[in-house]
Protein backbone atom coordinates (compact mmCIF):
# COMPACT_ATOMS: atom_id res chain seq x y z
CA MET A 1 -9.80 -11.45 -124.62
CA ALA A 2 -11.44 -10.46 -121.37
CA THR A 3 -12.84 -6.95 -121.22
CA ALA A 4 -11.90 -4.48 -118.47
CA THR A 5 -15.32 -5.03 -116.88
CA GLN A 6 -14.87 -8.81 -116.87
CA PHE A 7 -11.43 -8.37 -115.31
CA ILE A 8 -12.84 -6.18 -112.55
CA LEU A 9 -15.72 -8.58 -111.88
CA ALA A 10 -13.21 -11.40 -111.41
CA LEU A 11 -11.71 -9.53 -108.44
CA PRO A 12 -12.88 -10.11 -104.84
CA THR A 13 -15.77 -7.87 -103.82
CA GLU A 14 -13.69 -6.18 -101.10
CA LEU A 15 -11.03 -5.22 -103.66
CA ILE A 16 -13.62 -3.83 -106.11
CA ILE A 17 -15.07 -1.66 -103.36
CA ARG A 18 -11.61 -0.51 -102.32
CA ILE A 19 -10.77 0.48 -105.91
CA SER A 20 -14.03 2.41 -106.20
CA ASP A 21 -13.04 4.48 -103.15
CA PHE A 22 -10.47 6.30 -105.31
CA LEU A 23 -13.05 7.49 -107.86
CA ASN A 24 -14.74 10.86 -107.72
CA THR A 25 -18.53 10.93 -107.74
CA GLU A 26 -18.83 11.35 -111.52
CA SER A 27 -16.49 8.42 -112.25
CA TYR A 28 -18.15 6.35 -109.54
CA GLY A 29 -21.48 6.90 -111.27
CA LYS A 30 -20.04 5.79 -114.60
CA LEU A 31 -18.67 2.65 -112.96
CA ARG A 32 -22.11 1.75 -111.65
CA LEU A 33 -23.71 2.41 -115.04
CA SER A 34 -21.17 0.30 -116.91
CA CYS A 35 -22.54 -3.06 -115.81
CA LYS A 36 -25.48 -4.38 -113.78
CA SER A 37 -23.24 -6.88 -112.00
CA LEU A 38 -20.79 -4.12 -111.01
CA ASN A 39 -23.67 -1.98 -109.81
CA ASN A 40 -24.98 -4.85 -107.67
CA THR A 41 -21.50 -5.37 -106.23
CA VAL A 42 -21.05 -1.78 -105.04
CA PHE A 43 -24.71 -0.90 -104.41
CA ASP A 44 -24.70 -1.45 -100.64
CA THR A 45 -21.64 0.72 -100.09
CA PHE A 46 -22.98 3.29 -102.58
CA ALA A 47 -26.30 3.47 -100.72
CA LYS A 48 -24.55 3.77 -97.36
CA GLU A 49 -22.34 6.60 -98.56
CA PHE A 50 -24.90 8.64 -100.46
CA PHE A 51 -28.25 7.77 -98.92
CA THR A 52 -27.78 7.25 -95.19
CA LYS A 53 -28.02 11.00 -94.73
CA ARG A 54 -29.34 13.49 -97.28
CA GLN A 55 -30.05 17.21 -97.33
CA PHE A 56 -33.04 18.71 -99.11
CA MET A 57 -34.71 22.11 -99.41
CA LEU A 58 -38.32 23.20 -99.68
CA GLU A 59 -38.21 23.42 -103.46
CA GLN A 60 -40.13 21.26 -105.94
CA VAL A 61 -37.17 19.42 -107.46
CA SER A 62 -35.68 18.69 -104.04
CA LEU A 63 -38.89 17.46 -102.38
CA ASP A 64 -39.68 15.35 -105.44
CA ALA A 65 -36.35 13.60 -104.91
CA LEU A 66 -37.07 13.05 -101.19
CA VAL A 67 -40.45 11.48 -101.95
CA GLY A 68 -38.89 9.37 -104.70
CA ILE A 69 -36.19 8.05 -102.37
CA SER A 70 -38.82 7.27 -99.74
CA LYS A 71 -40.61 5.04 -102.27
CA HIS A 72 -37.46 3.19 -103.40
CA PRO A 73 -37.51 -0.37 -102.02
CA ALA A 74 -33.82 -0.32 -101.03
CA LEU A 75 -32.89 3.34 -100.52
CA SER A 76 -35.90 4.04 -98.30
CA LYS A 77 -34.57 1.50 -95.79
CA ARG A 78 -31.13 3.09 -95.85
CA LEU A 79 -32.12 6.75 -95.36
CA SER A 80 -32.14 7.36 -91.61
CA GLU A 81 -31.31 11.08 -91.48
CA VAL A 82 -33.15 13.78 -93.40
CA ILE A 83 -31.88 17.35 -93.26
CA ILE A 84 -34.03 20.22 -94.52
CA SER A 85 -32.02 23.32 -95.34
CA THR A 86 -33.14 26.93 -95.29
CA HIS A 87 -31.89 27.33 -98.86
CA VAL A 88 -34.23 28.71 -101.47
CA LEU A 89 -33.75 29.31 -105.19
CA SER A 90 -33.44 33.07 -105.46
CA SER A 91 -33.97 33.16 -109.24
CA ARG A 92 -37.44 32.64 -110.63
CA PHE A 93 -37.96 30.89 -113.93
CA GLU A 94 -39.55 32.46 -116.95
CA GLY A 95 -40.39 31.45 -120.48
CA ASP A 96 -40.79 27.73 -121.13
CA ASN A 97 -40.14 26.59 -117.55
CA LYS A 98 -43.77 25.97 -116.65
CA SER A 99 -43.05 23.04 -114.30
CA TYR A 100 -41.37 25.14 -111.63
CA VAL A 101 -43.39 25.73 -108.46
CA SER A 102 -41.99 28.38 -106.12
CA GLN A 103 -41.35 27.76 -102.45
CA ASP A 104 -44.01 30.33 -101.57
CA VAL A 105 -46.61 28.29 -103.44
CA LEU A 106 -45.41 25.00 -101.93
CA LEU A 107 -45.85 26.42 -98.44
CA SER A 108 -49.05 28.43 -98.94
CA THR A 109 -50.93 25.57 -100.65
CA GLY A 110 -49.76 22.93 -98.18
CA GLN A 111 -47.96 20.95 -100.89
CA ALA A 112 -44.67 21.06 -98.97
CA LEU A 113 -46.39 19.65 -95.88
CA HIS A 114 -48.07 16.92 -97.92
CA MET A 115 -44.78 15.85 -99.53
CA LEU A 116 -42.91 15.84 -96.20
CA VAL A 117 -45.64 13.77 -94.56
CA GLU A 118 -45.54 11.26 -97.42
CA ALA A 119 -41.77 10.94 -97.24
CA PHE A 120 -41.61 10.66 -93.43
CA THR A 121 -44.37 8.04 -93.49
CA ASN A 122 -42.50 5.91 -96.03
CA LEU A 123 -39.07 6.14 -94.37
CA THR A 124 -39.35 3.24 -91.96
CA HIS A 125 -35.78 3.67 -90.63
CA LEU A 126 -35.91 7.43 -90.09
CA LYS A 127 -34.13 8.41 -86.88
CA THR A 128 -32.96 12.01 -87.31
CA VAL A 129 -34.55 15.11 -88.83
CA GLY A 130 -32.38 18.21 -89.02
CA LEU A 131 -32.64 21.85 -90.01
CA ARG A 132 -29.57 23.70 -91.34
CA ASP A 133 -28.52 26.78 -93.26
CA PHE A 134 -25.21 25.46 -94.64
CA ASP A 135 -23.71 22.64 -96.70
CA GLY A 136 -21.69 20.07 -94.78
CA LEU A 137 -18.05 19.10 -95.20
CA GLY A 138 -16.72 15.56 -95.42
CA ARG A 139 -17.27 14.67 -99.08
CA VAL A 140 -13.71 13.42 -99.34
CA ARG A 141 -14.34 11.46 -102.53
CA ASP A 142 -14.46 14.77 -104.42
CA GLY A 143 -11.62 16.57 -102.67
CA GLU A 144 -10.65 17.96 -99.31
CA PHE A 145 -13.02 20.92 -99.46
CA ALA A 146 -15.97 19.32 -101.29
CA ARG A 147 -19.34 19.62 -99.56
CA TRP A 148 -22.52 17.62 -99.31
CA ARG A 149 -24.78 20.15 -100.96
CA THR A 150 -28.54 20.45 -100.71
CA TYR A 151 -30.27 18.23 -103.26
CA GLY A 152 -31.37 20.42 -106.17
CA TRP A 153 -28.62 23.02 -105.72
CA PHE A 154 -27.72 22.42 -109.37
CA THR A 155 -29.86 20.65 -111.93
CA PRO A 156 -29.91 21.27 -115.70
CA GLY A 157 -32.28 24.18 -116.25
CA MET A 158 -31.94 25.32 -112.62
CA PRO A 159 -30.01 28.34 -111.35
CA PRO A 160 -26.38 27.71 -110.34
CA ALA A 161 -25.36 27.34 -106.70
CA HIS A 162 -24.60 31.02 -106.24
CA SER A 163 -28.29 31.72 -106.83
CA LEU A 164 -29.21 29.98 -103.58
CA ALA A 165 -30.33 32.22 -100.74
CA THR A 166 -31.47 31.37 -97.22
CA VAL A 167 -34.77 32.08 -95.49
CA PRO A 168 -35.55 32.31 -91.75
CA PRO A 169 -35.68 28.86 -90.13
CA SER A 170 -38.55 29.38 -87.67
CA PRO A 171 -41.49 28.55 -89.99
CA ILE A 172 -39.62 25.51 -91.32
CA PHE A 173 -39.04 24.13 -87.82
CA SER A 174 -42.75 24.28 -87.00
CA LEU A 175 -43.54 22.67 -90.36
CA LEU A 176 -41.14 19.79 -89.72
CA LEU A 177 -42.59 19.03 -86.29
CA PHE A 178 -46.14 19.05 -87.66
CA ALA A 179 -45.17 16.86 -90.66
CA LEU A 180 -43.50 14.34 -88.34
CA GLY A 181 -46.61 14.25 -86.19
CA LYS A 182 -48.87 13.67 -89.18
CA ALA A 183 -46.51 10.97 -90.45
CA MET A 184 -46.43 9.26 -87.06
CA ALA A 185 -50.21 9.06 -87.08
CA GLY A 186 -50.18 7.51 -90.55
CA ARG A 187 -47.44 4.94 -90.03
CA SER A 188 -48.00 1.29 -89.17
CA GLY A 189 -45.99 1.92 -86.01
CA PRO A 190 -44.81 5.10 -84.23
CA PHE A 191 -41.22 6.30 -84.18
CA SER A 192 -39.46 4.43 -81.40
CA SER A 193 -37.06 7.34 -81.00
CA LEU A 194 -36.25 10.55 -82.84
CA ASN A 195 -33.45 13.09 -82.99
CA LEU A 196 -34.33 16.70 -83.83
CA GLU A 197 -31.26 18.77 -84.72
CA VAL A 198 -31.31 22.48 -85.54
CA ILE A 199 -27.77 23.61 -86.43
CA LEU A 200 -27.58 27.17 -87.77
CA ARG A 201 -24.51 29.22 -88.60
CA LYS A 202 -25.74 32.23 -90.53
CA GLN A 203 -27.82 35.31 -89.84
CA HIS A 204 -31.08 33.74 -88.69
CA ARG A 205 -31.77 31.51 -85.71
CA LEU A 206 -34.95 30.09 -84.28
CA GLU A 207 -37.12 32.70 -82.67
CA PRO A 208 -38.92 31.51 -79.54
CA GLN A 209 -42.37 31.67 -81.12
CA ALA A 210 -41.29 28.82 -83.43
CA LEU A 211 -41.51 26.60 -80.34
CA ASN A 212 -45.22 27.36 -79.81
CA VAL A 213 -46.30 24.00 -81.22
CA LEU A 214 -48.33 22.55 -78.36
CA ALA A 215 -51.68 24.34 -78.49
CA ASN A 216 -54.97 22.96 -79.80
CA TYR A 217 -54.94 20.76 -82.92
CA MET A 218 -51.23 21.26 -83.56
CA GLY A 219 -50.42 20.18 -80.02
CA SER A 220 -52.26 16.87 -80.37
CA THR A 221 -50.19 16.22 -83.50
CA THR A 222 -46.76 17.32 -82.26
CA LYS A 223 -46.79 15.99 -78.68
CA PRO A 224 -46.15 12.35 -79.77
CA VAL A 225 -43.11 13.59 -81.69
CA LEU A 226 -41.72 15.33 -78.61
CA ILE A 227 -42.37 12.26 -76.47
CA ALA A 228 -40.33 10.15 -78.91
CA THR A 229 -37.46 12.68 -79.04
CA LYS A 230 -34.21 11.54 -77.43
CA ARG A 231 -31.84 14.14 -78.87
CA LEU A 232 -32.77 17.80 -79.29
CA PHE A 233 -30.44 20.48 -80.70
CA LEU A 234 -31.73 24.06 -80.86
CA ALA A 235 -30.11 27.31 -82.03
CA LEU A 236 -32.08 30.19 -80.52
CA ASP A 237 -32.23 33.96 -80.38
CA SER A 238 -34.93 36.01 -78.65
CA THR A 239 -33.38 39.41 -79.42
CA ARG A 240 -35.88 40.51 -82.06
CA LEU A 241 -38.87 39.34 -80.02
CA ARG A 242 -37.61 41.17 -76.95
CA VAL A 243 -37.30 44.41 -78.95
CA ILE A 244 -40.77 44.06 -80.49
CA ARG A 245 -42.79 42.86 -77.51
CA ASN A 246 -40.63 43.56 -74.46
CA VAL A 247 -41.68 40.25 -72.90
CA GLN A 248 -39.93 37.19 -71.51
CA SER A 249 -39.54 35.04 -74.56
CA TYR A 250 -38.57 31.52 -73.48
CA GLU A 251 -41.85 30.35 -71.93
CA ALA A 252 -42.41 28.28 -75.07
CA LEU A 253 -39.01 26.57 -74.74
CA GLY A 254 -39.74 25.65 -71.13
CA ASP A 255 -43.14 24.27 -72.12
CA LEU A 256 -41.66 22.29 -75.01
CA LEU A 257 -39.03 20.67 -72.77
CA ARG A 258 -41.73 19.64 -70.31
CA HIS A 259 -43.13 17.44 -73.11
CA THR A 260 -39.85 15.59 -73.82
CA PRO A 261 -39.82 12.99 -71.01
CA ASN A 262 -37.43 10.67 -72.87
CA LEU A 263 -34.86 13.33 -73.79
CA GLU A 264 -31.28 12.11 -73.29
CA HIS A 265 -29.21 14.76 -75.10
CA LEU A 266 -30.00 18.48 -75.10
CA ARG A 267 -27.98 21.13 -76.92
CA LEU A 268 -28.87 24.80 -76.62
CA ASN A 269 -27.02 27.45 -78.61
CA PHE A 270 -27.99 31.07 -78.02
CA THR A 271 -26.26 34.31 -79.02
CA HIS A 272 -24.17 36.61 -76.86
CA GLN A 273 -26.70 39.40 -77.44
CA ASP A 274 -29.63 37.37 -76.08
CA VAL A 275 -30.48 38.99 -72.75
CA ASP A 276 -33.13 36.36 -71.96
CA ALA A 277 -30.79 33.39 -72.26
CA GLU A 278 -29.38 33.52 -68.73
CA ASP A 279 -32.87 33.93 -67.30
CA PHE A 280 -33.90 30.70 -69.01
CA LEU A 281 -30.80 28.91 -67.69
CA LYS A 282 -31.70 29.99 -64.14
CA PHE A 283 -35.10 28.40 -64.76
CA LEU A 284 -33.50 25.24 -66.16
CA GLY A 285 -31.34 24.90 -63.05
CA GLU A 286 -34.34 24.44 -60.77
CA ASP A 287 -35.01 20.90 -59.59
CA GLY A 288 -38.77 21.22 -60.10
CA ASN A 289 -39.55 21.02 -56.39
CA THR A 290 -37.30 23.57 -54.74
CA ARG A 291 -37.28 27.17 -55.89
CA SER A 292 -33.90 28.28 -57.17
CA ILE A 293 -31.86 30.89 -55.32
CA HIS A 294 -31.66 32.65 -58.69
CA LYS A 295 -34.69 34.73 -59.63
CA HIS A 296 -36.19 34.37 -63.07
CA THR A 297 -39.36 35.50 -64.81
CA LEU A 298 -40.75 32.24 -66.21
CA SER A 299 -44.01 31.12 -64.62
CA LEU A 300 -43.90 27.44 -65.60
CA PRO A 301 -42.37 24.70 -63.45
CA SER A 302 -38.94 23.67 -64.67
CA PRO A 303 -38.96 20.54 -66.90
CA PRO A 304 -37.93 17.37 -65.00
CA LEU A 305 -35.76 15.91 -67.80
CA THR A 306 -35.17 12.83 -65.67
CA ASN A 307 -33.45 10.91 -68.50
CA LEU A 308 -31.05 13.68 -69.52
CA GLN A 309 -27.49 12.34 -69.85
CA SER A 310 -25.77 14.87 -72.14
CA LEU A 311 -25.98 18.65 -72.04
CA ASP A 312 -24.30 21.09 -74.45
CA LEU A 313 -24.48 24.85 -73.90
CA GLY A 314 -23.00 27.35 -76.31
CA MET A 315 -22.85 31.02 -77.24
CA VAL A 316 -24.42 32.32 -74.05
CA PRO A 317 -23.50 34.84 -71.35
CA VAL A 318 -24.14 33.24 -67.96
CA LYS A 319 -22.84 33.66 -64.42
CA PRO A 320 -20.65 30.81 -63.13
CA ASP A 321 -22.93 29.95 -60.19
CA VAL A 322 -25.95 29.66 -62.50
CA LEU A 323 -23.99 27.28 -64.70
CA ILE A 324 -22.89 25.17 -61.74
CA GLN A 325 -26.47 24.87 -60.51
CA ILE A 326 -27.57 23.49 -63.90
CA ILE A 327 -24.73 20.96 -63.96
CA LEU A 328 -25.50 19.75 -60.45
CA ARG A 329 -29.22 19.40 -61.12
CA PHE A 330 -28.87 16.59 -63.68
CA ARG A 331 -26.98 13.32 -63.45
CA LEU A 332 -24.97 14.02 -66.57
CA LYS A 333 -22.56 11.65 -68.28
CA SER A 334 -21.41 14.24 -70.85
CA LEU A 335 -21.13 18.04 -70.71
CA ALA A 336 -19.96 20.54 -73.32
CA LEU A 337 -19.46 24.26 -72.65
CA TRP A 338 -18.58 26.18 -75.79
CA LYS A 339 -18.09 29.92 -76.25
CA ILE A 340 -19.62 30.62 -72.85
CA GLY A 341 -19.10 34.21 -71.66
CA PHE A 342 -18.85 34.90 -67.92
CA PRO A 343 -20.25 38.43 -67.40
CA CYS A 344 -18.11 40.80 -65.32
CA ASP A 345 -19.20 43.95 -63.49
CA SER A 346 -16.38 46.08 -64.88
CA LEU A 347 -13.69 46.04 -67.50
CA ASN A 348 -11.06 45.56 -64.79
CA ALA A 349 -12.93 42.53 -63.41
CA ALA A 350 -12.65 40.85 -66.82
CA HIS A 351 -8.94 40.38 -66.05
CA LEU A 352 -9.64 38.48 -62.82
CA PRO A 353 -9.44 34.65 -62.74
CA VAL A 354 -13.22 34.13 -62.99
CA PHE A 355 -12.90 30.91 -65.00
CA ARG A 356 -10.29 29.57 -62.60
CA ASP A 357 -12.68 30.06 -59.68
CA PHE A 358 -15.50 28.45 -61.68
CA ALA A 359 -13.45 25.32 -62.41
CA ILE A 360 -12.39 25.00 -58.76
CA ASP A 361 -15.94 25.54 -57.48
CA LEU A 362 -17.37 23.02 -59.94
CA GLY A 363 -14.79 20.41 -58.95
CA CYS A 364 -15.62 20.91 -55.28
CA SER A 365 -19.38 20.86 -55.89
CA LEU A 366 -19.57 17.69 -57.96
CA PRO A 367 -20.44 14.72 -55.76
CA ALA A 368 -17.90 11.93 -55.42
CA SER A 369 -20.40 9.63 -57.16
CA THR A 370 -20.80 11.90 -60.19
CA ALA A 371 -21.64 10.12 -63.44
CA LEU A 372 -19.75 12.72 -65.52
CA LYS A 373 -17.41 10.84 -67.87
CA LYS A 374 -16.79 13.42 -70.59
CA LEU A 375 -16.34 17.20 -70.37
CA ASP A 376 -15.53 19.53 -73.28
CA ILE A 377 -14.66 23.17 -72.57
CA GLY A 378 -13.70 25.53 -75.36
CA PHE A 379 -13.35 29.21 -76.26
CA MET A 380 -14.55 30.52 -72.93
CA THR A 381 -14.42 34.25 -72.29
CA GLN A 382 -14.81 36.76 -69.50
CA CYS A 383 -16.81 39.69 -70.79
CA PHE A 384 -17.93 43.17 -69.90
CA THR A 385 -20.69 44.97 -71.82
CA GLU A 386 -20.61 48.75 -71.97
CA THR A 387 -24.19 50.01 -72.18
CA LEU A 388 -23.49 53.76 -72.30
CA GLY A 389 -23.64 55.15 -75.81
CA GLU A 390 -22.89 52.49 -78.41
CA ARG A 391 -23.29 49.01 -76.94
CA ASP A 392 -19.77 47.58 -76.96
CA ARG A 393 -18.73 44.18 -75.70
CA TYR A 394 -15.23 43.62 -74.30
CA GLU A 395 -13.94 40.09 -74.00
CA ASN A 396 -10.91 38.44 -72.51
CA ALA A 397 -10.29 34.95 -73.82
CA VAL A 398 -9.48 32.08 -71.44
CA HIS A 399 -6.37 30.12 -72.42
CA PHE A 400 -4.83 26.90 -71.10
CA ALA A 401 -1.12 26.14 -70.87
CA ASN A 402 -0.43 22.79 -72.53
CA ASP A 403 2.53 21.98 -70.29
CA GLY A 404 0.70 22.83 -67.07
CA ASP A 405 2.58 26.07 -66.42
CA PRO A 406 0.37 29.14 -67.05
CA ALA A 407 3.43 31.36 -66.83
CA ASN A 408 4.86 29.68 -69.95
CA ARG A 409 2.78 31.42 -72.63
CA VAL A 410 5.00 30.89 -75.65
CA ALA A 411 3.44 30.34 -79.04
CA GLY A 412 2.23 26.78 -79.49
CA ASN A 413 2.09 26.12 -75.75
CA THR A 414 -1.46 27.36 -75.20
CA SER A 415 -4.91 26.36 -76.38
CA GLN A 416 -8.48 27.48 -75.84
CA GLN A 417 -9.99 24.01 -75.75
CA VAL A 418 -9.61 21.20 -73.20
CA THR A 419 -11.30 17.80 -72.92
CA PHE A 420 -11.73 15.29 -70.11
CA GLU A 421 -12.58 11.65 -70.75
CA ALA A 422 -12.88 9.08 -68.00
CA GLY A 423 -10.39 6.25 -68.09
CA ASN A 424 -7.22 8.33 -68.42
CA GLY A 425 -6.34 7.81 -64.78
CA ALA A 426 -7.66 11.09 -63.39
CA SER A 427 -11.05 11.86 -61.88
CA VAL A 428 -13.08 14.78 -63.19
CA HIS A 429 -12.55 16.51 -59.81
CA GLN A 430 -8.77 16.29 -60.16
CA TRP A 431 -8.90 17.32 -63.82
CA LEU A 432 -10.92 20.46 -63.01
CA ARG A 433 -8.35 21.46 -60.38
CA GLU A 434 -5.57 20.93 -62.92
CA ILE A 435 -7.14 23.00 -65.70
CA ALA A 436 -7.91 25.73 -63.16
CA GLU A 437 -4.16 25.95 -62.46
CA ARG A 438 -3.37 25.81 -66.19
CA SER A 439 -5.81 28.60 -67.11
CA TRP A 440 -4.99 32.24 -67.63
CA VAL A 441 -6.85 35.23 -69.04
CA GLN A 442 -5.72 37.23 -72.04
CA GLU A 443 -4.58 40.60 -70.75
CA ASP A 444 -5.63 42.84 -73.62
CA ALA A 445 -9.40 43.10 -74.09
CA TRP A 446 -10.91 43.61 -77.50
CA THR A 447 -14.16 45.18 -78.61
CA SER A 448 -16.77 43.41 -80.71
CA GLY A 449 -19.01 46.46 -81.03
CA SER A 450 -22.72 46.41 -81.67
CA SER A 451 -22.48 43.65 -84.30
CA GLY A 452 -21.81 41.03 -81.64
CA ASP A 453 -20.00 37.74 -81.89
CA ASP A 454 -19.78 35.06 -84.51
CA ILE A 455 -22.99 33.10 -84.15
CA SER A 456 -21.81 29.91 -85.87
CA ASP A 457 -22.67 26.62 -84.21
CA TYR A 458 -19.96 25.46 -81.86
CA ASP A 459 -19.80 21.97 -83.39
CA ASP A 460 -17.95 21.85 -86.73
CA ASP A 461 -20.18 18.84 -87.41
CA GLU A 462 -17.93 17.16 -89.94
CA GLU A 463 -18.18 13.53 -90.90
CA ASP A 464 -16.00 10.84 -92.40
CA GLU A 465 -16.88 9.03 -95.60
CA SER A 466 -18.67 6.20 -93.81
CA LEU A 467 -21.43 8.63 -92.81
CA ASP A 468 -21.65 7.05 -89.37
CA HIS A 469 -22.94 9.67 -86.95
CA THR A 470 -20.29 11.11 -84.67
CA LEU A 471 -20.12 14.25 -82.58
CA HIS A 472 -18.45 15.92 -85.53
CA GLY A 473 -20.66 14.29 -88.16
CA ASP A 474 -21.81 16.27 -91.14
CA MET A 475 -23.13 15.68 -94.63
């Protein structure tokens, strides 16, 4: 009598793989361990699902796994996206656990750098290196709300998941750039292209000094990495630096962007409390030859970014005309504006149709030959900041009527997000006029107080089981 394994092996490969889709991770692992032939049958799909994109932390057990994967003859060719999280084991081991090396020791001795360089050198198909402070959604095999957790979050003898804490991301970002540069120098061939993605949702964001990576020996190592970078996502906040030093803080960002000549996609997330953010955007809107009508304090020439095709801006207070100047400077194919706050001079002005005027002005300013094919606008606000006494922020949310009539504000008929994609019969100029007419401003302002707004990244960054990278990809 044929065994269950023999019966399964007699099935077509496509059917075996389809059956395995219904197993949770534990059962899937048991299936692979049951028979070498079964393991060979599902190995390619297993590797694609679990090893195309992996998240690690700067802890011994996690970095050991990364180096081990990088040495595996099959998995090393599959792993194209490495995410380093800001997680750290908050419990320290005692007693018989002599093999544990703390993150502090890994960093101070250079062991973390050495292990990252070794892994990045071995990963011949590496395309994306990310930095995060959260675990991604999309692990549908284990349930609707299951997450792709950082490797090492739970291992026998290790603290449970609730013992994980997060550390500031700035030192890790500098470490990753330097490790990539060292790896590039040690590889048989340089990275043809790289994506650097910093997506942060919790308390800490990158401070501007983390971008000071171009001086002296470090600069000679990191500049080739920046030259190879085609996609750059940054989550920034200069608030603490401004308080400590009282200086303009985004010189380093401007300098860094001047060394990314091949950059095609730039995403900048700030915070609504960052008073230097608009000043940097004024600087970014300059064409490099003609001085902007908007004054700013940065002394460097604006980066040319001649290959930039996609621009995402989020979580930033900026005047509409500054925003329009940036959009007009580049020949963009894709633009995303998320949680942008248009500053108003008074609380009463926050009720005026500022967004409506912005959309109309942008539609009129875009040339007829514009390359813009996709435009995402979401959760825009008109804001007024009270600086007397406690610093309070008042916001009026911008809404859009789904049926085109802004007077019809019944529940379910409005949204805060709209999207344009070329090919639906309307030009972007016409679409901007239409959403201007559909827009309206919430009449009752609310106060966020001194704590400010939610600083989560504007992209939910979720991903389907195939792990193919999409705008909403996440693992």
